[in-house]
Amino acid sequence: MEKPEEMVIGKYAKLTLDFTFKKAFASEEDKDLLIALLNAFLERKLAYPITDVLIKNPYIQGQTIDSRGSILDIRCQDAANNSFIVEMQMSKQAYFFKRSLLYSSQSIVSSAKKGEGYDFNYPNVYSLNFLDFDVDIGDNRSNVVQYVSFSDEDCPATRYEYVNLVFVRLPRFRKSIEECESLQDKLLFSLRHAHELDSPPEQLNGNLFDRLFMVAKISNFTDMELSQYVSRAMFRADRKGEIDTARDEGIAIGKNEGIVIGRQEGEARLLQAARQMKAKSFGVSVISEITGLPKEDVERL
């Protein structure tokens, strides 16, 4: 199997690839890495630092045989039964915020106490989402990490911390290693640049980062792990190629048709571009990702 270029020249695996991310942060053996990640990015939301977690099955069963379940990257629970969802999202996806809220809601339902006398006092849910793509979260805000929770519109200071959504826009992190002072900064630097390094810089010395880079070191992979990593890396490269091609063809279709962009015209262009791409045998997921149309609408075209 031919290896992607990044694996040929790199000593460490790409930590934003879902395989490596879960290998590093969803392991019982290196559970301290997950605890450090949670504390670094949720510190402002937590009453107390997390000292231990129970890593749970990432699959959340639907409530009925016909209802849809969800498979998460990492799902865990602390001593107070608070639930934590950790996701690494590499591809830009329509309605990602809504998806995060859906997963959080499913986590609430799965953790709620059953039976009579239920008082709805379910544990808090924290959804920590790393986005390996840029997205505008409103008002041209440049911050890397965005925290979202329920609040009173007339009194924003009044917050309800039952559901907490945290979005980390990795491309917005542009600090050099010399500028990284906090644990959060150093973790962000590692996530973005580990696969580009020949050795960890001195700023990342210490037990925590020694273990993180040991996990990411490709020479420490088993044959099966290396095969899985190569497969995932090749899939990502192929998918990126499909998306780039579909985007270029979609733009060309719009230019050739000379469609004036407006609300209705824009929707018509999306539908037309989706039909054209579908006729050229692009996958439903790729078309949905490019146009922002729900997969169900694409399938009906």
C-alpha atoms as a PDB file:
ATOM      1  CA  MET A   1       0.000   0.000   0.000  1.00  0.00           C
ATOM      2  CA  GLU A   2       1.447   3.356  -1.039  1.00  0.00           C
ATOM      3  CA  LYS A   3       1.790   5.744   1.872  1.00  0.00           C
ATOM      4  CA  PRO A   4       0.658   9.371   1.716  1.00  0.00           C
ATOM      5  CA  GLU A   5       3.508  11.873   1.462  1.00  0.00           C
ATOM      6  CA  GLU A   6       3.006  13.107   5.023  1.00  0.00           C
ATOM      7  CA  MET A   7       3.757   9.599   6.337  1.00  0.00           C
ATOM      8  CA  VAL A   8       6.839   9.135   4.174  1.00  0.00           C
ATOM      9  CA  ILE A   9       8.541  12.310   5.417  1.00  0.00           C
ATOM     10  CA  GLY A  10       7.001  12.511   8.885  1.00  0.00           C
ATOM     11  CA  LYS A  11       8.193  10.929  12.108  1.00  0.00           C
ATOM     12  CA  TYR A  12       4.899  11.523  13.903  1.00  0.00           C
ATOM     13  CA  ALA A  13       1.352  10.811  12.809  1.00  0.00           C
ATOM     14  CA  LYS A  14      -1.130  13.600  12.172  1.00  0.00           C
ATOM     15  CA  LEU A  15      -3.018  14.064  15.452  1.00  0.00           C
ATOM     16  CA  THR A  16      -6.050  15.613  13.753  1.00  0.00           C
ATOM     17  CA  LEU A  17      -6.675  12.395  11.839  1.00  0.00           C
ATOM     18  CA  ASP A  18      -9.482  10.595  13.665  1.00  0.00           C
ATOM     19  CA  PHE A  19      -7.463   7.369  14.027  1.00  0.00           C
ATOM     20  CA  THR A  20      -4.509   9.066  15.743  1.00  0.00           C
ATOM     21  CA  PHE A  21      -6.726  11.387  17.792  1.00  0.00           C
ATOM     22  CA  LYS A  22      -8.603   8.449  19.305  1.00  0.00           C
ATOM     23  CA  LYS A  23      -5.399   6.460  19.759  1.00  0.00           C
ATOM     24  CA  ALA A  24      -3.970   9.332  21.808  1.00  0.00           C
ATOM     25  CA  PHE A  25      -6.983  10.472  23.805  1.00  0.00           C
ATOM     26  CA  ALA A  26      -9.361   7.490  24.042  1.00  0.00           C
ATOM     27  CA  SER A  27      -6.954   5.031  25.633  1.00  0.00           C
ATOM     28  CA  GLU A  28      -7.340   3.717  29.181  1.00  0.00           C
ATOM     29  CA  GLU A  29      -3.584   3.305  29.305  1.00  0.00           C
ATOM     30  CA  ASP A  30      -2.997   7.017  28.618  1.00  0.00           C
ATOM     31  CA  LYS A  31      -6.173   8.369  30.188  1.00  0.00           C
ATOM     32  CA  ASP A  32      -4.251  11.283  31.699  1.00  0.00           C
ATOM     33  CA  LEU A  33      -3.940  12.725  28.193  1.00  0.00           C
ATOM     34  CA  LEU A  34      -7.726  12.889  27.891  1.00  0.00           C
ATOM     35  CA  ILE A  35      -8.078  14.395  31.382  1.00  0.00           C
ATOM     36  CA  ALA A  36      -5.479  17.060  30.524  1.00  0.00           C
ATOM     37  CA  LEU A  37      -7.292  17.846  27.262  1.00  0.00           C
ATOM     38  CA  LEU A  38     -10.647  18.238  29.036  1.00  0.00           C
ATOM     39  CA  ASN A  39      -9.243  20.416  31.819  1.00  0.00           C
ATOM     40  CA  ALA A  40      -7.302  22.623  29.382  1.00  0.00           C
ATOM     41  CA  PHE A  41     -10.318  23.474  27.237  1.00  0.00           C
ATOM     42  CA  LEU A  42     -13.152  23.253  29.785  1.00  0.00           C
ATOM     43  CA  GLU A  43     -11.448  24.917  32.754  1.00  0.00           C
ATOM     44  CA  ARG A  44     -13.686  27.995  32.602  1.00  0.00           C
ATOM     45  CA  LYS A  45     -16.809  25.787  32.525  1.00  0.00           C
ATOM     46  CA  LEU A  46     -15.923  23.394  35.344  1.00  0.00           C
ATOM     47  CA  ALA A  47     -16.567  23.937  39.041  1.00  0.00           C
ATOM     48  CA  TYR A  48     -13.606  21.683  39.867  1.00  0.00           C
ATOM     49  CA  PRO A  49     -10.770  20.190  37.773  1.00  0.00           C
ATOM     50  CA  ILE A  50     -11.402  16.681  36.472  1.00  0.00           C
ATOM     51  CA  THR A  51      -9.257  14.087  38.256  1.00  0.00           C
ATOM     52  CA  ASP A  52     -10.594  10.895  36.693  1.00  0.00           C
ATOM     53  CA  VAL A  53     -12.954   9.801  33.934  1.00  0.00           C
ATOM     54  CA  LEU A  54     -14.664   6.631  32.853  1.00  0.00           C
ATOM     55  CA  ILE A  55     -14.204   6.123  29.114  1.00  0.00           C
ATOM     56  CA  LYS A  56     -17.487   4.788  27.780  1.00  0.00           C
ATOM     57  CA  ASN A  57     -18.668   3.031  24.656  1.00  0.00           C
ATOM     58  CA  PRO A  58     -18.748   5.773  21.992  1.00  0.00           C
ATOM     59  CA  TYR A  59     -22.010   4.426  20.578  1.00  0.00           C
ATOM     60  CA  ILE A  60     -25.209   6.029  21.881  1.00  0.00           C
ATOM     61  CA  GLN A  61     -28.165   3.740  21.291  1.00  0.00           C
ATOM     62  CA  GLY A  62     -31.373   5.278  19.954  1.00  0.00           C
ATOM     63  CA  GLN A  63     -34.432   5.137  22.187  1.00  0.00           C
ATOM     64  CA  THR A  64     -36.309   2.696  19.958  1.00  0.00           C
ATOM     65  CA  ILE A  65     -35.295  -0.004  17.483  1.00  0.00           C
ATOM     66  CA  ASP A  66     -36.126   2.383  14.638  1.00  0.00           C
ATOM     67  CA  SER A  67     -34.454   5.500  16.013  1.00  0.00           C
ATOM     68  CA  ARG A  68     -30.969   6.496  14.961  1.00  0.00           C
ATOM     69  CA  GLY A  69     -27.983   6.008  17.232  1.00  0.00           C
ATOM     70  CA  SER A  70     -24.711   7.964  17.106  1.00  0.00           C
ATOM     71  CA  ILE A  71     -21.054   6.952  17.115  1.00  0.00           C
ATOM     72  CA  LEU A  72     -18.796   9.523  18.754  1.00  0.00           C
ATOM     73  CA  ASP A  73     -15.012   9.837  18.722  1.00  0.00           C
ATOM     74  CA  ILE A  74     -14.729   9.880  22.515  1.00  0.00           C
ATOM     75  CA  ARG A  75     -17.376   9.655  25.212  1.00  0.00           C
ATOM     76  CA  CYS A  76     -16.596   9.699  28.915  1.00  0.00           C
ATOM     77  CA  GLN A  77     -17.994  10.519  32.355  1.00  0.00           C
ATOM     78  CA  ASP A  78     -16.492  12.024  35.503  1.00  0.00           C
ATOM     79  CA  ALA A  79     -17.044  11.145  39.173  1.00  0.00           C
ATOM     80  CA  ALA A  80     -20.055  13.490  39.358  1.00  0.00           C
ATOM     81  CA  ASN A  81     -21.639  11.664  36.367  1.00  0.00           C
ATOM     82  CA  ASN A  82     -21.202  14.669  34.086  1.00  0.00           C
ATOM     83  CA  SER A  83     -20.962  13.559  30.456  1.00  0.00           C
ATOM     84  CA  PHE A  84     -18.225  14.589  28.038  1.00  0.00           C
ATOM     85  CA  ILE A  85     -18.233  14.245  24.256  1.00  0.00           C
ATOM     86  CA  VAL A  86     -14.985  14.902  22.389  1.00  0.00           C
ATOM     87  CA  GLU A  87     -15.010  15.073  18.588  1.00  0.00           C
ATOM     88  CA  MET A  88     -12.340  15.720  15.949  1.00  0.00           C
ATOM     89  CA  GLN A  89     -13.987  16.960  12.750  1.00  0.00           C
ATOM     90  CA  MET A  90     -11.673  17.188   9.739  1.00  0.00           C
ATOM     91  CA  SER A  91     -14.180  18.027   6.995  1.00  0.00           C
ATOM     92  CA  LYS A  92     -16.404  21.069   6.834  1.00  0.00           C
ATOM     93  CA  GLN A  93     -19.955  19.937   7.339  1.00  0.00           C
ATOM     94  CA  ALA A  94     -23.296  21.675   7.005  1.00  0.00           C
ATOM     95  CA  TYR A  95     -25.198  22.108  10.293  1.00  0.00           C
ATOM     96  CA  PHE A  96     -22.226  21.020  12.432  1.00  0.00           C
ATOM     97  CA  PHE A  97     -23.463  23.134  15.362  1.00  0.00           C
ATOM     98  CA  LYS A  98     -26.849  21.434  15.168  1.00  0.00           C
ATOM     99  CA  ARG A  99     -25.185  18.036  15.017  1.00  0.00           C
ATOM    100  CA  SER A 100     -23.263  18.815  18.216  1.00  0.00           C
ATOM    101  CA  LEU A 101     -26.483  19.825  19.940  1.00  0.00           C
ATOM    102  CA  LEU A 102     -28.159  16.594  18.767  1.00  0.00           C
ATOM    103  CA  TYR A 103     -25.322  14.469  20.148  1.00  0.00           C
ATOM    104  CA  SER A 104     -25.494  16.366  23.447  1.00  0.00           C
ATOM    105  CA  SER A 105     -29.252  15.777  23.626  1.00  0.00           C
ATOM    106  CA  GLN A 106     -28.791  12.067  22.952  1.00  0.00           C
ATOM    107  CA  SER A 107     -26.217  11.954  25.733  1.00  0.00           C
ATOM    108  CA  ILE A 108     -28.716  13.560  28.124  1.00  0.00           C
ATOM    109  CA  VAL A 109     -31.390  11.041  27.235  1.00  0.00           C
ATOM    110  CA  SER A 110     -29.010   8.100  27.645  1.00  0.00           C
ATOM    111  CA  SER A 111     -27.835   9.305  31.086  1.00  0.00           C
ATOM    112  CA  ALA A 112     -31.242  10.290  32.466  1.00  0.00           C
ATOM    113  CA  LYS A 113     -32.612   8.217  35.324  1.00  0.00           C
ATOM    114  CA  LYS A 114     -35.491   5.959  34.420  1.00  0.00           C
ATOM    115  CA  GLY A 115     -38.645   5.151  36.345  1.00  0.00           C
ATOM    116  CA  GLU A 116     -41.276   6.959  38.374  1.00  0.00           C
ATOM    117  CA  GLY A 117     -40.445  10.089  40.313  1.00  0.00           C
ATOM    118  CA  TYR A 118     -37.880  11.285  37.782  1.00  0.00           C
ATOM    119  CA  ASP A 119     -36.963  14.887  38.696  1.00  0.00           C
ATOM    120  CA  PHE A 120     -35.118  15.818  35.452  1.00  0.00           C
ATOM    121  CA  ASN A 121     -31.965  16.622  37.406  1.00  0.00           C
ATOM    122  CA  TYR A 122     -29.669  15.042  34.832  1.00  0.00           C
ATOM    123  CA  PRO A 123     -25.887  15.634  34.907  1.00  0.00           C
ATOM    124  CA  ASN A 124     -24.293  18.365  32.814  1.00  0.00           C
ATOM    125  CA  VAL A 125     -23.137  17.607  29.285  1.00  0.00           C
ATOM    126  CA  TYR A 126     -19.969  19.059  27.762  1.00  0.00           C
ATOM    127  CA  SER A 127     -19.362  18.771  24.021  1.00  0.00           C
ATOM    128  CA  LEU A 128     -15.767  19.590  23.043  1.00  0.00           C
ATOM    129  CA  ASN A 129     -15.361  19.835  19.265  1.00  0.00           C
ATOM    130  CA  PHE A 130     -12.057  20.304  17.440  1.00  0.00           C
ATOM    131  CA  LEU A 131     -12.590  21.620  13.907  1.00  0.00           C
ATOM    132  CA  ASP A 132      -9.736  21.093  11.452  1.00  0.00           C
ATOM    133  CA  PHE A 133     -11.247  23.665   9.118  1.00  0.00           C
ATOM    134  CA  ASP A 134     -12.111  27.315   9.385  1.00  0.00           C
ATOM    135  CA  VAL A 135     -15.661  28.489   9.931  1.00  0.00           C
ATOM    136  CA  ASP A 136     -17.090  31.925  10.666  1.00  0.00           C
ATOM    137  CA  ILE A 137     -18.887  31.773  13.991  1.00  0.00           C
ATOM    138  CA  GLY A 138     -20.304  35.274  13.741  1.00  0.00           C
ATOM    139  CA  ASP A 139     -19.307  38.938  13.940  1.00  0.00           C
ATOM    140  CA  ASN A 140     -15.889  38.172  12.423  1.00  0.00           C
ATOM    141  CA  ARG A 141     -14.655  36.861  15.744  1.00  0.00           C
ATOM    142  CA  SER A 142     -11.057  35.680  15.532  1.00  0.00           C
ATOM    143  CA  ASN A 143     -10.883  33.703  18.781  1.00  0.00           C
ATOM    144  CA  VAL A 144      -9.741  30.109  18.451  1.00  0.00           C
ATOM    145  CA  VAL A 145     -12.107  28.695  21.076  1.00  0.00           C
ATOM    146  CA  GLN A 146     -15.826  29.509  21.243  1.00  0.00           C
ATOM    147  CA  TYR A 147     -17.953  28.628  24.267  1.00  0.00           C
ATOM    148  CA  VAL A 148     -21.723  28.233  23.814  1.00  0.00           C
ATOM    149  CA  SER A 149     -24.326  27.672  26.522  1.00  0.00           C
ATOM    150  CA  PHE A 150     -27.910  28.657  27.306  1.00  0.00           C
ATOM    151  CA  SER A 151     -28.492  32.138  28.703  1.00  0.00           C
ATOM    152  CA  ASP A 152     -31.297  34.590  29.415  1.00  0.00           C
ATOM    153  CA  GLU A 153     -31.571  36.895  26.395  1.00  0.00           C
ATOM    154  CA  ASP A 154     -32.546  39.864  28.565  1.00  0.00           C
ATOM    155  CA  CYS A 155     -29.869  39.095  31.134  1.00  0.00           C
ATOM    156  CA  PRO A 156     -26.920  37.353  29.412  1.00  0.00           C
ATOM    157  CA  ALA A 157     -25.068  37.053  32.691  1.00  0.00           C
ATOM    158  CA  THR A 158     -27.670  34.495  33.773  1.00  0.00           C
ATOM    159  CA  ARG A 159     -26.447  31.234  32.296  1.00  0.00           C
ATOM    160  CA  TYR A 160     -27.678  27.672  32.445  1.00  0.00           C
ATOM    161  CA  GLU A 161     -24.753  25.288  32.267  1.00  0.00           C
ATOM    162  CA  TYR A 162     -26.723  22.105  31.621  1.00  0.00           C
ATOM    163  CA  VAL A 163     -25.446  21.820  28.043  1.00  0.00           C
ATOM    164  CA  ASN A 164     -22.076  23.298  27.071  1.00  0.00           C
ATOM    165  CA  LEU A 165     -20.791  23.364  23.504  1.00  0.00           C
ATOM    166  CA  VAL A 166     -17.152  24.227  22.871  1.00  0.00           C
ATOM    167  CA  PHE A 167     -15.772  24.690  19.356  1.00  0.00           C
ATOM    168  CA  VAL A 168     -12.009  24.860  18.721  1.00  0.00           C
ATOM    169  CA  ARG A 169     -11.125  26.248  15.279  1.00  0.00           C
ATOM    170  CA  LEU A 170      -7.664  24.796  14.769  1.00  0.00           C
ATOM    171  CA  PRO A 171      -6.746  26.825  11.633  1.00  0.00           C
ATOM    172  CA  ARG A 172      -7.195  30.018  13.685  1.00  0.00           C
ATOM    173  CA  PHE A 173      -4.357  28.970  16.003  1.00  0.00           C
ATOM    174  CA  ARG A 174      -1.218  30.578  14.546  1.00  0.00           C
ATOM    175  CA  LYS A 175       1.128  30.910  17.516  1.00  0.00           C
ATOM    176  CA  SER A 176       4.741  29.804  17.257  1.00  0.00           C
ATOM    177  CA  ILE A 177       6.007  27.393  19.886  1.00  0.00           C
ATOM    178  CA  GLU A 178       7.883  30.296  21.537  1.00  0.00           C
ATOM    179  CA  GLU A 179       4.546  32.071  22.030  1.00  0.00           C
ATOM    180  CA  CYS A 180       2.871  29.072  23.666  1.00  0.00           C
ATOM    181  CA  GLU A 181       2.681  29.505  27.424  1.00  0.00           C
ATOM    182  CA  SER A 182      -0.503  27.799  28.608  1.00  0.00           C
ATOM    183  CA  LEU A 183      -1.247  24.075  28.465  1.00  0.00           C
ATOM    184  CA  GLN A 184      -4.075  24.872  26.051  1.00  0.00           C
ATOM    185  CA  ASP A 185      -1.677  26.618  23.656  1.00  0.00           C
ATOM    186  CA  LYS A 186       0.804  23.741  23.811  1.00  0.00           C
ATOM    187  CA  LEU A 187      -1.905  21.182  23.095  1.00  0.00           C
ATOM    188  CA  LEU A 188      -3.144  23.264  20.176  1.00  0.00           C
ATOM    189  CA  PHE A 189       0.384  23.503  18.795  1.00  0.00           C
ATOM    190  CA  SER A 190       0.796  19.731  19.095  1.00  0.00           C
ATOM    191  CA  LEU A 191      -2.502  19.024  17.362  1.00  0.00           C
ATOM    192  CA  ARG A 192      -1.610  21.320  14.486  1.00  0.00           C
ATOM    193  CA  HIS A 193       2.096  20.590  14.034  1.00  0.00           C
ATOM    194  CA  ALA A 194       3.159  17.248  15.573  1.00  0.00           C
ATOM    195  CA  HIS A 195       3.299  15.542  12.153  1.00  0.00           C
ATOM    196  CA  GLU A 196       5.644  18.267  10.844  1.00  0.00           C
ATOM    197  CA  LEU A 197       8.276  17.825  13.577  1.00  0.00           C
ATOM    198  CA  ASP A 198      11.436  15.722  13.701  1.00  0.00           C
ATOM    199  CA  SER A 199      11.431  15.954  17.487  1.00  0.00           C
ATOM    200  CA  PRO A 200       9.330  17.745  20.121  1.00  0.00           C
ATOM    201  CA  PRO A 201      10.626  21.249  20.948  1.00  0.00           C
ATOM    202  CA  GLU A 202      11.945  21.864  24.447  1.00  0.00           C
ATOM    203  CA  GLN A 203       8.774  23.811  25.310  1.00  0.00           C
ATOM    204  CA  LEU A 204       6.903  20.500  25.095  1.00  0.00           C
ATOM    205  CA  ASN A 205       9.144  18.637  27.512  1.00  0.00           C
ATOM    206  CA  GLY A 206       7.504  16.800  30.384  1.00  0.00           C
ATOM    207  CA  ASN A 207       5.670  13.565  31.051  1.00  0.00           C
ATOM    208  CA  LEU A 208       2.399  14.629  29.402  1.00  0.00           C
ATOM    209  CA  PHE A 209       3.887  15.611  26.045  1.00  0.00           C
ATOM    210  CA  ASP A 210       6.490  12.837  26.146  1.00  0.00           C
ATOM    211  CA  ARG A 211       3.621  10.361  26.222  1.00  0.00           C
ATOM    212  CA  LEU A 212       1.602  12.213  23.589  1.00  0.00           C
ATOM    213  CA  PHE A 213       4.496  12.136  21.127  1.00  0.00           C
ATOM    214  CA  MET A 214       5.246   8.506  21.974  1.00  0.00           C
ATOM    215  CA  VAL A 215       1.675   7.652  20.995  1.00  0.00           C
ATOM    216  CA  ALA A 216       1.979   9.668  17.774  1.00  0.00           C
ATOM    217  CA  LYS A 217       5.395   8.240  16.829  1.00  0.00           C
ATOM    218  CA  ILE A 218       4.811   6.119  13.739  1.00  0.00           C
ATOM    219  CA  SER A 219       7.681   3.722  14.520  1.00  0.00           C
ATOM    220  CA  ASN A 220       5.748   2.723  17.671  1.00  0.00           C
ATOM    221  CA  PHE A 221       2.702   1.630  15.659  1.00  0.00           C
ATOM    222  CA  THR A 222       1.902  -2.044  15.241  1.00  0.00           C
ATOM    223  CA  ASP A 223       1.539  -3.330  11.689  1.00  0.00           C
ATOM    224  CA  MET A 224      -2.254  -3.217  12.066  1.00  0.00           C
ATOM    225  CA  GLU A 225      -2.198   0.330  13.442  1.00  0.00           C
ATOM    226  CA  LEU A 226       0.050   1.483  10.616  1.00  0.00           C
ATOM    227  CA  SER A 227      -2.287  -0.102   8.076  1.00  0.00           C
ATOM    228  CA  GLN A 228      -5.284   1.628   9.667  1.00  0.00           C
ATOM    229  CA  TYR A 229      -3.481   4.958   9.763  1.00  0.00           C
ATOM    230  CA  VAL A 230      -2.415   4.696   6.121  1.00  0.00           C
ATOM    231  CA  SER A 231      -5.969   3.769   5.093  1.00  0.00           C
ATOM    232  CA  ARG A 232      -7.467   6.737   6.939  1.00  0.00           C
ATOM    233  CA  ALA A 233      -4.822   9.124   5.574  1.00  0.00           C
ATOM    234  CA  MET A 234      -5.411   7.905   2.018  1.00  0.00           C
ATOM    235  CA  PHE A 235      -9.170   8.198   2.473  1.00  0.00           C
ATOM    236  CA  ARG A 236      -8.753  11.790   3.653  1.00  0.00           C
ATOM    237  CA  ALA A 237      -6.517  12.614   0.676  1.00  0.00           C
ATOM    238  CA  ASP A 238      -8.971  11.044  -1.776  1.00  0.00           C
ATOM    239  CA  ARG A 239     -11.927  12.811  -0.191  1.00  0.00           C
ATOM    240  CA  LYS A 240     -10.163  16.161  -0.311  1.00  0.00           C
ATOM    241  CA  GLY A 241      -9.485  15.588  -3.999  1.00  0.00           C
ATOM    242  CA  GLU A 242     -13.161  14.797  -4.624  1.00  0.00           C
ATOM    243  CA  ILE A 243     -14.294  17.883  -2.723  1.00  0.00           C
ATOM    244  CA  ASP A 244     -11.846  20.184  -4.517  1.00  0.00           C
ATOM    245  CA  THR A 245     -12.928  18.812  -7.892  1.00  0.00           C
ATOM    246  CA  ALA A 246     -16.614  19.087  -7.026  1.00  0.00           C
ATOM    247  CA  ARG A 247     -16.154  22.657  -5.785  1.00  0.00           C
ATOM    248  CA  ASP A 248     -14.321  23.685  -8.974  1.00  0.00           C
ATOM    249  CA  GLU A 249     -16.959  22.075 -11.170  1.00  0.00           C
ATOM    250  CA  GLY A 250     -19.773  23.587  -9.111  1.00  0.00           C
ATOM    251  CA  ILE A 251     -18.241  27.055  -9.496  1.00  0.00           C
ATOM    252  CA  ALA A 252     -17.777  26.476 -13.228  1.00  0.00           C
ATOM    253  CA  ILE A 253     -21.415  25.408 -13.585  1.00  0.00           C
ATOM    254  CA  GLY A 254     -22.575  28.597 -11.867  1.00  0.00           C
ATOM    255  CA  LYS A 255     -20.378  30.784 -14.081  1.00  0.00           C
ATOM    256  CA  ASN A 256     -21.391  29.022 -17.280  1.00  0.00           C
ATOM    257  CA  GLU A 257     -25.077  29.363 -16.494  1.00  0.00           C
ATOM    258  CA  GLY A 258     -24.671  33.052 -15.580  1.00  0.00           C
ATOM    259  CA  ILE A 259     -27.017  32.713 -12.616  1.00  0.00           C
ATOM    260  CA  VAL A 260     -27.637  35.884 -10.610  1.00  0.00           C
ATOM    261  CA  ILE A 261     -27.137  35.137  -6.937  1.00  0.00           C
ATOM    262  CA  GLY A 262     -30.050  35.984  -4.694  1.00  0.00           C
ATOM    263  CA  ARG A 263     -31.977  34.000  -2.128  1.00  0.00           C
ATOM    264  CA  GLN A 264     -34.180  32.123  -4.573  1.00  0.00           C
ATOM    265  CA  GLU A 265     -31.625  32.213  -7.353  1.00  0.00           C
ATOM    266  CA  GLY A 266     -28.950  30.961  -4.979  1.00  0.00           C
ATOM    267  CA  GLU A 267     -31.101  28.024  -3.897  1.00  0.00           C
ATOM    268  CA  ALA A 268     -31.841  27.241  -7.537  1.00  0.00           C
ATOM    269  CA  ARG A 269     -28.127  27.295  -8.329  1.00  0.00           C
ATOM    270  CA  LEU A 270     -27.350  24.929  -5.469  1.00  0.00           C
ATOM    271  CA  LEU A 271     -29.989  22.499  -6.676  1.00  0.00           C
ATOM    272  CA  GLN A 272     -28.796  22.747 -10.252  1.00  0.00           C
ATOM    273  CA  ALA A 273     -25.164  22.281  -9.249  1.00  0.00           C
ATOM    274  CA  ALA A 274     -26.162  19.301  -7.069  1.00  0.00           C
ATOM    275  CA  ARG A 275     -28.001  17.708 -10.012  1.00  0.00           C
ATOM    276  CA  GLN A 276     -25.009  18.249 -12.283  1.00  0.00           C
ATOM    277  CA  MET A 277     -22.599  16.758  -9.755  1.00  0.00           C
ATOM    278  CA  LYS A 278     -24.911  13.821  -9.119  1.00  0.00           C
ATOM    279  CA  ALA A 279     -25.093  13.211 -12.871  1.00  0.00           C
ATOM    280  CA  LYS A 280     -21.289  13.069 -12.857  1.00  0.00           C
ATOM    281  CA  SER A 281     -21.450  10.361 -10.136  1.00  0.00           C
ATOM    282  CA  PHE A 282     -20.187  12.437  -7.223  1.00  0.00           C
ATOM    283  CA  GLY A 283     -21.137  10.893  -3.896  1.00  0.00           C
ATOM    284  CA  VAL A 284     -24.123  12.139  -1.923  1.00  0.00           C
ATOM    285  CA  SER A 285     -21.916  13.039   1.072  1.00  0.00           C
ATOM    286  CA  VAL A 286     -19.547  15.069  -1.095  1.00  0.00           C
ATOM    287  CA  ILE A 287     -22.418  16.941  -2.789  1.00  0.00           C
ATOM    288  CA  SER A 288     -24.016  17.663   0.592  1.00  0.00           C
ATOM    289  CA  GLU A 289     -20.725  18.960   1.981  1.00  0.00           C
ATOM    290  CA  ILE A 290     -20.123  21.287  -0.980  1.00  0.00           C
ATOM    291  CA  THR A 291     -23.653  22.668  -1.379  1.00  0.00           C
ATOM    292  CA  GLY A 292     -24.818  22.573   2.240  1.00  0.00           C
ATOM    293  CA  LEU A 293     -27.945  20.685   1.149  1.00  0.00           C
ATOM    294  CA  PRO A 294     -29.159  17.912   3.465  1.00  0.00           C
ATOM    295  CA  LYS A 295     -28.241  14.441   2.249  1.00  0.00           C
ATOM    296  CA  GLU A 296     -31.947  13.562   2.081  1.00  0.00           C
ATOM    297  CA  ASP A 297     -32.564  16.397  -0.408  1.00  0.00           C
ATOM    298  CA  VAL A 298     -29.599  15.336  -2.515  1.00  0.00           C
ATOM    299  CA  GLU A 299     -30.814  11.749  -2.595  1.00  0.00           C
ATOM    300  CA  ARG A 300     -34.226  12.912  -3.875  1.00  0.00           C
ATOM    301  CA  LEU A 301     -32.749  14.816  -6.832  1.00  0.00           C
END
